[in-house]
Amino acid sequence: MKKLLILALVFLMNEIHLKSQELIEIYKKGKVNLEEVADYGNKNNWETLFNDYNLVENGSLTGKQKRIVAAADGSVFMSHRSKYEIWKFDKNGNFLKKFGSKGSGAGQFPIKPEVYGILENKYVFTSDNQGRLMFFDLEGNFVKKLQLAYMPLQIVPLKNLKVAVVAYTNGKTIVAIKDFNTGKDKFILSEKYPQDEGKIVINLPKGGILSFTLPFLHSSSSSYRIAANKNGNLIVASPETGMVAEYSTEGIKLGEFNLNIKPLLITETDINNYYENALKNKTKFEEQLKKNKNYTEADIQNVMTQYNNQINKFKDKELYPEHMPYFSSMVIDSEGNIIVFEYTKEEISNSFKAYTFDNSGKYVCTSSFYTKNFELNFEPYSFAINNGYVYALATKNNCTDICLRLVKFKMNK
């Protein structure tokens, strides 16, 4: 029996090593074809499950805004911008259960939650824009709540019952590590918001403001991206500088490296295109204002005057950075390889250039992920590599109504 156990362990370790080699070899081929696992979620009626797909709230397509995280056993947890609940799908992609509801009691959500991760393979957790961290066991039973003192942008689970947070607070973007047991914070990084010169601010007639920035000047383009590596430590990457660093769960820097990437330059042609798009959006904006019965013609004229007085910022070359961010998003695959996705000038593309580095920071290869039947979004919480498979919230091509799917892909050479 002892010999059989040893042989089984040797076989398992060899299988894991082969899977690791296979992922790297797939990436090195240059083009990674994502092949849909055909029977995944085949018991679901997606049109019924995602009947909120076309829901618009306050001008935002909230029905399409969902997030996923994948557990070690292949089950998936999903949140919805339109609902006060979390859904669980089994390892075969079939809807299993929902938990959570609107309210202020234990396990309830005062504000619609978003799922962020699975801690130590024990707890799935959510947060809202007020920083309420809510932890549930993997069956959906409420465990505890922690309160952040800042507005989270990204949260990832680490080892030793810690979570890392990128957040806005006091005019800065910060990175902190919070302890699940004590609730205490360890602040490790901070940077100031981008300057306001590239911001357009419009005072609305009935109170409030409308604010937006020029392309690549909003802090969401340049703020830190975080992930947990295979060892459970924190990886922090800067789209602005291309630097990547590893931190322990105690906030101690363990090493860093620079991405071997040449960012795309922002050209005069690009700036002219941004200006032309701003002119088109101005027309759409004015049409929306006219549909608001609470606004008089004088109100609309006042708002559009403010817009016109600032729209020339879109063609002011001095306001733009020299280049686009080094990357748009970062994921770490199931073998610990760091993958960053290039910013692209194409608004719609189904082929994404990805740069892969091993867990020591050594550049491995450049490749692209491609799928024929779906449009993918390679943003955190919409895309995950787990146990050698890709799990994604993807929009089905050649679909006319409810097109969103939870899809599992196999990566092929």
Protein backbone atom coordinates (compact mmCIF):
# COMPACT_ATOMS: atom_id res chain seq x y z
CA MET A 1 0.00 0.00 0.00
CA LYS A 2 2.86 2.38 0.89
CA LYS A 3 4.52 1.76 -2.48
CA LEU A 4 1.23 2.37 -4.26
CA LEU A 5 0.79 5.69 -2.40
CA ILE A 6 4.30 6.81 -3.32
CA LEU A 7 3.74 5.85 -6.96
CA ALA A 8 0.46 7.80 -6.96
CA LEU A 9 2.17 10.86 -5.53
CA VAL A 10 4.97 10.64 -8.11
CA PHE A 11 2.39 10.36 -10.90
CA LEU A 12 0.46 13.36 -9.54
CA MET A 13 3.62 15.51 -9.31
CA ASN A 14 4.62 14.54 -12.87
CA GLU A 15 1.11 15.39 -14.10
CA ILE A 16 1.30 18.84 -12.46
CA HIS A 17 4.75 19.43 -13.98
CA LEU A 18 3.49 18.42 -17.41
CA LYS A 19 0.52 20.80 -17.13
CA SER A 20 2.92 23.61 -16.27
CA GLN A 21 5.06 22.78 -19.28
CA GLU A 22 1.99 22.55 -21.46
CA LEU A 23 0.81 26.06 -20.54
CA ILE A 24 4.19 27.57 -21.31
CA GLU A 25 4.44 25.64 -24.58
CA ILE A 26 0.96 26.80 -25.57
CA TYR A 27 1.89 30.44 -24.90
CA LYS A 28 5.12 30.07 -26.88
CA LYS A 29 3.19 29.08 -30.01
CA GLY A 30 2.16 32.72 -30.29
CA LYS A 31 -1.56 32.27 -30.85
CA VAL A 32 -3.60 30.71 -28.07
CA ASN A 33 -6.88 29.34 -29.39
CA LEU A 34 -9.60 29.23 -26.77
CA GLU A 35 -11.89 26.31 -27.53
CA GLU A 36 -15.26 26.34 -25.78
CA VAL A 37 -15.96 23.34 -23.55
CA ALA A 38 -19.19 22.39 -25.29
CA ASP A 39 -21.17 20.83 -22.43
CA TYR A 40 -20.23 23.47 -19.84
CA GLY A 41 -23.39 24.98 -18.38
CA ASN A 42 -25.58 22.94 -20.72
CA LYS A 43 -28.39 22.68 -18.13
CA ASN A 44 -28.75 26.45 -17.92
CA ASN A 45 -31.27 28.56 -19.76
CA TRP A 46 -29.06 31.61 -20.19
CA GLU A 47 -31.91 33.76 -21.50
CA THR A 48 -33.80 33.16 -18.26
CA LEU A 49 -30.80 33.44 -15.94
CA PHE A 50 -29.54 36.64 -17.58
CA ASN A 51 -32.94 38.24 -18.20
CA ASP A 52 -31.47 41.50 -16.83
CA TYR A 53 -28.95 41.62 -19.73
CA ASN A 54 -30.53 44.65 -21.42
CA LEU A 55 -31.26 46.52 -18.18
CA VAL A 56 -30.17 50.18 -18.18
CA GLU A 57 -29.99 52.15 -14.92
CA ASN A 58 -28.92 55.81 -14.76
CA GLY A 59 -27.59 55.56 -18.31
CA SER A 60 -25.42 52.52 -17.50
CA LEU A 61 -25.87 49.00 -18.93
CA THR A 62 -25.95 47.42 -15.50
CA GLY A 63 -27.41 44.14 -16.74
CA LYS A 64 -24.16 43.35 -18.54
CA GLN A 65 -21.98 44.22 -15.56
CA LYS A 66 -21.29 40.95 -13.79
CA ARG A 67 -18.18 39.51 -12.13
CA ILE A 68 -16.85 36.01 -11.56
CA VAL A 69 -14.28 34.26 -9.38
CA ALA A 70 -13.33 30.59 -9.75
CA ALA A 71 -12.73 28.24 -6.81
CA ALA A 72 -10.11 25.49 -6.71
CA ASP A 73 -12.71 22.81 -7.45
CA GLY A 74 -13.88 24.63 -10.60
CA SER A 75 -17.08 26.08 -9.14
CA VAL A 76 -17.74 29.73 -10.02
CA PHE A 77 -19.27 32.57 -7.99
CA MET A 78 -20.92 35.48 -9.80
CA SER A 79 -22.13 38.95 -8.77
CA HIS A 80 -24.44 41.27 -10.72
CA ARG A 81 -24.50 45.07 -10.71
CA SER A 82 -28.30 44.76 -11.00
CA LYS A 83 -28.92 42.38 -8.06
CA TYR A 84 -28.37 42.14 -4.30
CA GLU A 85 -27.24 38.53 -4.47
CA ILE A 86 -24.37 36.17 -5.34
CA TRP A 87 -24.81 33.10 -7.56
CA LYS A 88 -22.89 29.85 -7.41
CA PHE A 89 -22.32 27.60 -10.42
CA ASP A 90 -21.00 24.05 -10.00
CA LYS A 91 -17.82 22.73 -11.60
CA ASN A 92 -19.80 21.87 -14.74
CA GLY A 93 -21.03 25.45 -15.12
CA ASN A 94 -24.61 24.76 -14.09
CA PHE A 95 -26.45 27.17 -11.81
CA LEU A 96 -26.50 25.78 -8.28
CA LYS A 97 -27.79 28.38 -5.82
CA LYS A 98 -28.03 32.05 -4.91
CA PHE A 99 -27.43 33.77 -1.57
CA GLY A 100 -27.65 37.27 -0.14
CA SER A 101 -30.43 39.85 -0.30
CA LYS A 102 -31.06 43.57 0.09
CA GLY A 103 -30.93 44.80 3.68
CA SER A 104 -28.74 45.68 6.63
CA GLY A 105 -28.85 42.38 8.54
CA ALA A 106 -26.17 39.71 8.79
CA GLY A 107 -25.34 38.47 5.30
CA GLN A 108 -27.43 41.17 3.61
CA PHE A 109 -26.24 43.91 1.26
CA PRO A 110 -27.21 47.58 1.81
CA ILE A 111 -25.59 48.37 -1.56
CA LYS A 112 -25.33 46.02 -4.53
CA PRO A 113 -22.18 43.92 -3.96
CA GLU A 114 -19.42 42.76 -6.27
CA VAL A 115 -17.58 39.49 -5.81
CA TYR A 116 -13.80 39.82 -5.46
CA GLY A 117 -12.22 36.51 -4.54
CA ILE A 118 -11.96 33.30 -2.55
CA LEU A 119 -9.82 33.38 0.58
CA GLU A 120 -7.79 30.28 1.54
CA ASN A 121 -10.33 28.16 -0.39
CA LYS A 122 -12.72 28.74 2.54
CA TYR A 123 -14.50 32.05 2.06
CA VAL A 124 -15.91 33.87 -0.95
CA PHE A 125 -16.01 37.61 -0.32
CA THR A 126 -17.66 40.70 -1.73
CA SER A 127 -17.41 44.44 -1.32
CA ASP A 128 -19.44 47.50 -2.29
CA ASN A 129 -18.30 51.04 -3.06
CA GLN A 130 -18.51 51.87 0.64
CA GLY A 131 -15.90 49.27 1.49
CA ARG A 132 -18.09 46.70 3.26
CA LEU A 133 -16.19 43.40 2.99
CA MET A 134 -18.63 40.50 3.43
CA PHE A 135 -17.31 36.95 3.85
CA PHE A 136 -19.35 33.78 3.23
CA ASP A 137 -18.38 30.13 3.29
CA LEU A 138 -18.46 28.31 -0.04
CA GLU A 139 -22.03 27.16 0.63
CA GLY A 140 -23.20 30.78 0.94
CA ASN A 141 -23.45 30.99 4.74
CA PHE A 142 -22.50 34.39 6.18
CA VAL A 143 -19.27 34.37 8.21
CA LYS A 144 -18.22 37.95 9.02
CA LYS A 145 -18.00 41.57 7.87
CA LEU A 146 -14.96 43.86 7.76
CA GLN A 147 -15.12 47.57 7.02
CA LEU A 148 -12.62 49.34 4.77
CA ALA A 149 -11.95 53.02 5.47
CA TYR A 150 -11.49 53.72 1.76
CA MET A 151 -13.21 53.09 -1.57
CA PRO A 152 -11.89 49.85 -3.13
CA LEU A 153 -10.97 49.52 -6.80
CA GLN A 154 -9.55 46.01 -6.73
CA ILE A 155 -9.29 43.37 -4.00
CA VAL A 156 -7.43 40.05 -4.15
CA PRO A 157 -7.08 37.22 -1.62
CA LEU A 158 -3.61 36.33 -0.32
CA LYS A 159 -2.32 33.55 1.92
CA ASN A 160 -2.33 33.78 5.73
CA LEU A 161 -5.93 35.05 5.71
CA LYS A 162 -4.99 38.44 4.23
CA VAL A 163 -6.55 40.43 1.41
CA ALA A 164 -4.86 43.15 -0.64
CA VAL A 165 -6.73 46.26 -1.74
CA VAL A 166 -6.17 49.01 -4.31
CA ALA A 167 -8.30 51.98 -3.28
CA TYR A 168 -8.96 55.72 -3.49
CA THR A 169 -8.55 57.79 -0.34
CA ASN A 170 -7.67 61.40 0.45
CA GLY A 171 -6.63 62.29 -3.09
CA LYS A 172 -4.41 59.25 -3.48
CA THR A 173 -4.45 55.73 -4.86
CA ILE A 174 -3.19 53.33 -2.20
CA VAL A 175 -2.33 49.66 -1.82
CA ALA A 176 -3.09 48.09 1.56
CA ILE A 177 -3.17 44.62 3.10
CA LYS A 178 -6.02 43.81 5.52
CA ASP A 179 -5.95 41.00 8.05
CA PHE A 180 -9.09 38.81 8.08
CA ASN A 181 -8.71 37.96 11.78
CA THR A 182 -7.84 41.38 13.24
CA GLY A 183 -9.27 43.75 10.63
CA LYS A 184 -6.04 45.78 10.78
CA ASP A 185 -4.52 47.48 7.70
CA LYS A 186 -0.94 47.57 6.49
CA PHE A 187 -0.40 50.38 3.96
CA ILE A 188 2.44 49.66 1.54
CA LEU A 189 2.11 52.06 -1.44
CA SER A 190 0.44 55.34 -2.39
CA GLU A 191 0.44 57.74 -5.32
CA LYS A 192 -1.34 61.02 -6.03
CA TYR A 193 -4.26 61.31 -8.41
CA PRO A 194 -3.40 62.59 -11.90
CA GLN A 195 -3.59 66.36 -12.27
CA ASP A 196 -6.91 68.01 -13.10
CA GLU A 197 -5.75 69.81 -16.27
CA GLY A 198 -7.10 66.98 -18.42
CA LYS A 199 -10.46 66.84 -16.68
CA ILE A 200 -13.73 68.22 -18.03
CA VAL A 201 -16.25 69.26 -15.37
CA ILE A 202 -19.81 70.34 -16.12
CA ASN A 203 -22.19 71.73 -13.49
CA LEU A 204 -25.66 70.27 -14.05
CA PRO A 205 -28.75 72.53 -13.85
CA LYS A 206 -30.52 70.72 -11.00
CA GLY A 207 -27.41 70.17 -8.93
CA GLY A 208 -24.49 67.79 -9.15
CA ILE A 209 -21.67 67.62 -11.67
CA LEU A 210 -20.65 65.57 -14.69
CA SER A 211 -16.93 64.87 -14.78
CA PHE A 212 -14.71 62.90 -17.17
CA THR A 213 -11.08 62.96 -18.27
CA LEU A 214 -9.13 62.73 -21.49
CA PRO A 215 -8.04 59.24 -22.61
CA PHE A 216 -5.32 57.69 -20.38
CA LEU A 217 -5.44 60.51 -17.82
CA HIS A 218 -7.94 58.93 -15.47
CA SER A 219 -6.34 57.13 -12.55
CA SER A 220 -8.13 53.92 -13.58
CA SER A 221 -5.72 53.75 -16.55
CA SER A 222 -2.57 54.20 -14.52
CA SER A 223 -3.38 53.02 -10.98
CA TYR A 224 -1.79 49.89 -9.57
CA ARG A 225 -2.94 46.43 -10.65
CA ILE A 226 -2.69 43.62 -8.11
CA ALA A 227 -2.84 39.82 -8.07
CA ALA A 228 -1.77 36.93 -5.88
CA ASN A 229 1.07 34.75 -7.11
CA LYS A 230 1.32 30.97 -6.77
CA ASN A 231 2.88 31.34 -3.31
CA GLY A 232 0.00 33.51 -2.07
CA ASN A 233 2.11 36.67 -1.96
CA LEU A 234 1.07 40.01 -3.44
CA ILE A 235 2.09 41.11 -6.94
CA VAL A 236 1.75 44.85 -7.61
CA ALA A 237 2.22 46.17 -11.15
CA SER A 238 2.19 49.75 -12.41
CA PRO A 239 0.71 50.41 -15.87
CA GLU A 240 2.32 53.84 -15.75
CA THR A 241 5.95 52.74 -15.22
CA GLY A 242 5.97 49.04 -16.13
CA MET A 243 7.42 48.06 -12.74
CA VAL A 244 6.25 44.83 -11.06
CA ALA A 245 7.00 44.02 -7.41
CA GLU A 246 6.32 41.12 -5.05
CA TYR A 247 5.35 41.72 -1.41
CA SER A 248 4.89 39.34 1.48
CA THR A 249 1.59 39.30 3.31
CA GLU A 250 3.31 41.46 5.93
CA GLY A 251 3.95 44.14 3.31
CA ILE A 252 7.70 43.49 2.90
CA LYS A 253 9.04 43.93 -0.65
CA LEU A 254 10.64 40.69 -1.80
CA GLY A 255 11.79 41.76 -5.27
CA GLU A 256 10.88 43.65 -8.42
CA PHE A 257 11.44 43.69 -12.16
CA ASN A 258 10.58 45.86 -15.16
CA LEU A 259 8.25 44.61 -17.87
CA ASN A 260 9.99 43.99 -21.17
CA ILE A 261 7.35 45.93 -23.08
CA LYS A 262 7.48 48.94 -25.37
CA PRO A 263 4.25 50.89 -24.81
CA LEU A 264 2.34 52.30 -27.76
CA LEU A 265 3.00 55.98 -28.43
CA ILE A 266 0.11 58.44 -28.50
CA THR A 267 0.36 60.07 -31.93
CA GLU A 268 -1.15 63.22 -33.38
CA THR A 269 -3.47 60.99 -35.39
CA ASP A 270 -4.66 59.38 -32.15
CA ILE A 271 -5.29 62.80 -30.59
CA ASN A 272 -7.25 63.95 -33.63
CA ASN A 273 -9.35 60.79 -33.39
CA TYR A 274 -10.05 61.45 -29.70
CA TYR A 275 -11.17 64.98 -30.59
CA GLU A 276 -13.44 63.75 -33.38
CA ASN A 277 -15.00 61.22 -31.01
CA ALA A 278 -15.55 63.98 -28.46
CA LEU A 279 -17.43 65.99 -31.09
CA LYS A 280 -19.62 62.98 -31.87
CA ASN A 281 -20.25 62.39 -28.18
CA LYS A 282 -21.18 66.05 -27.79
CA THR A 283 -24.01 65.59 -30.26
CA LYS A 284 -25.25 62.46 -28.45
CA PHE A 285 -24.94 64.23 -25.10
CA GLU A 286 -27.07 67.13 -26.29
CA GLU A 287 -29.72 64.72 -27.62
CA GLN A 288 -29.89 63.04 -24.20
CA LEU A 289 -30.28 66.38 -22.46
CA LYS A 290 -33.20 67.29 -24.71
CA LYS A 291 -34.98 64.11 -23.65
CA ASN A 292 -34.88 65.22 -20.02
CA LYS A 293 -38.19 66.99 -19.41
CA ASN A 294 -36.82 68.65 -16.28
CA TYR A 295 -34.34 70.72 -18.31
CA THR A 296 -35.36 73.96 -19.99
CA GLU A 297 -33.78 75.20 -23.22
CA ALA A 298 -31.76 77.67 -21.13
CA ASP A 299 -30.52 74.77 -18.94
CA ILE A 300 -29.43 72.80 -21.99
CA GLN A 301 -27.71 75.80 -23.53
CA ASN A 302 -25.83 76.42 -20.28
CA VAL A 303 -24.60 72.83 -20.11
CA MET A 304 -23.52 72.76 -23.75
CA THR A 305 -21.69 76.07 -23.37
CA GLN A 306 -19.67 74.52 -20.57
CA TYR A 307 -18.93 71.49 -22.76
CA ASN A 308 -17.91 73.65 -25.75
CA ASN A 309 -15.61 75.77 -23.59
CA GLN A 310 -13.63 72.70 -22.59
CA ILE A 311 -13.82 70.37 -25.59
CA ASN A 312 -10.60 71.76 -27.11
CA LYS A 313 -8.72 69.98 -24.34
CA PHE A 314 -9.16 66.83 -26.41
CA LYS A 315 -6.80 68.15 -29.08
CA ASP A 316 -4.22 69.68 -26.75
CA LYS A 317 -1.14 67.49 -27.18
CA GLU A 318 0.49 68.90 -24.05
CA LEU A 319 -2.20 67.39 -21.83
CA TYR A 320 -1.60 63.81 -22.98
CA PRO A 321 1.12 61.46 -21.73
CA GLU A 322 3.80 60.44 -24.22
CA HIS A 323 2.57 56.88 -24.44
CA MET A 324 -0.31 54.64 -23.46
CA PRO A 325 -0.05 52.58 -20.27
CA TYR A 326 2.32 49.63 -20.46
CA PHE A 327 -0.60 47.24 -20.11
CA SER A 328 -4.34 47.24 -19.49
CA SER A 329 -4.83 44.30 -17.14
CA MET A 330 -2.92 41.52 -15.40
CA VAL A 331 -3.76 37.93 -14.49
CA ILE A 332 -1.68 35.15 -12.95
CA ASP A 333 -2.36 31.71 -14.37
CA SER A 334 -2.74 28.51 -12.39
CA GLU A 335 1.01 27.79 -12.65
CA GLY A 336 2.11 31.20 -11.38
CA ASN A 337 3.00 32.82 -14.70
CA ILE A 338 2.27 36.57 -14.87
CA ILE A 339 0.32 37.62 -17.96
CA VAL A 340 -0.23 41.28 -18.84
CA PHE A 341 -2.46 42.38 -21.71
CA GLU A 342 -1.39 45.17 -24.02
CA TYR A 343 -3.40 48.33 -24.45
CA THR A 344 -4.79 48.35 -27.96
CA LYS A 345 -5.81 51.21 -30.22
CA GLU A 346 -8.53 49.07 -31.74
CA GLU A 347 -11.90 49.67 -30.09
CA ILE A 348 -13.20 46.23 -31.05
CA SER A 349 -10.81 43.31 -31.33
CA ASN A 350 -11.11 39.62 -30.61
CA SER A 351 -7.37 39.01 -30.57
CA PHE A 352 -5.44 40.31 -27.56
CA LYS A 353 -1.65 40.57 -27.31
CA ALA A 354 -0.40 39.16 -24.03
CA TYR A 355 3.10 39.19 -22.52
CA THR A 356 4.00 36.26 -20.27
CA PHE A 357 6.62 36.30 -17.50
CA ASP A 358 7.46 33.42 -15.20
CA ASN A 359 7.06 33.81 -11.44
CA SER A 360 10.65 35.05 -11.13
CA GLY A 361 9.97 37.91 -13.57
CA LYS A 362 11.78 36.38 -16.52
CA TYR A 363 10.19 37.19 -19.88
CA VAL A 364 8.83 34.05 -21.55
CA CYS A 365 7.01 35.04 -24.72
CA THR A 366 4.45 37.23 -26.43
CA SER A 367 1.23 35.65 -27.56
CA SER A 368 -2.40 36.43 -28.30
CA PHE A 369 -5.58 34.85 -27.01
CA TYR A 370 -8.25 34.23 -29.60
CA THR A 371 -11.71 32.73 -29.71
CA LYS A 372 -13.94 32.42 -32.73
CA ASN A 373 -17.45 32.47 -31.32
CA PHE A 374 -17.23 34.98 -28.47
CA GLU A 375 -16.13 38.52 -27.69
CA LEU A 376 -13.91 38.50 -24.62
CA ASN A 377 -13.08 41.03 -21.95
CA PHE A 378 -9.65 40.45 -20.41
CA GLU A 379 -10.34 42.50 -17.30
CA PRO A 380 -10.04 41.12 -13.76
CA TYR A 381 -13.25 39.44 -12.58
CA SER A 382 -14.39 38.79 -16.16
CA PHE A 383 -11.54 36.42 -17.04
CA ALA A 384 -9.62 33.85 -14.97
CA ILE A 385 -7.14 31.06 -15.67
CA ASN A 386 -7.81 28.22 -13.23
CA ASN A 387 -6.41 24.66 -13.35
CA GLY A 388 -5.28 25.17 -16.94
CA TYR A 389 -8.67 26.39 -18.17
CA VAL A 390 -9.99 29.86 -18.92
CA TYR A 391 -13.25 30.91 -17.30
CA ALA A 392 -14.86 34.00 -18.78
CA LEU A 393 -17.94 36.13 -19.00
CA ALA A 394 -18.19 36.40 -22.76
CA THR A 395 -20.62 37.78 -25.33
CA LYS A 396 -21.73 35.28 -27.94
CA ASN A 397 -21.26 36.34 -31.56
CA ASN A 398 -24.17 36.39 -34.03
CA CYS A 399 -26.61 36.82 -31.17
CA THR A 400 -29.41 39.37 -31.24
CA ASP A 401 -30.90 39.44 -27.75
CA ILE A 402 -29.46 38.00 -24.52
CA CYS A 403 -25.89 37.22 -25.55
CA LEU A 404 -23.92 36.95 -22.30
CA ARG A 405 -22.60 33.54 -21.25
CA LEU A 406 -20.44 32.00 -18.57
CA VAL A 407 -17.96 30.02 -20.64
CA LYS A 408 -15.14 27.58 -19.92
CA PHE A 409 -12.39 27.40 -22.52
CA LYS A 410 -9.63 24.92 -23.17
CA MET A 411 -6.38 26.47 -24.34
CA ASN A 412 -5.05 24.92 -27.54
CA LYS A 413 -1.83 25.44 -29.46
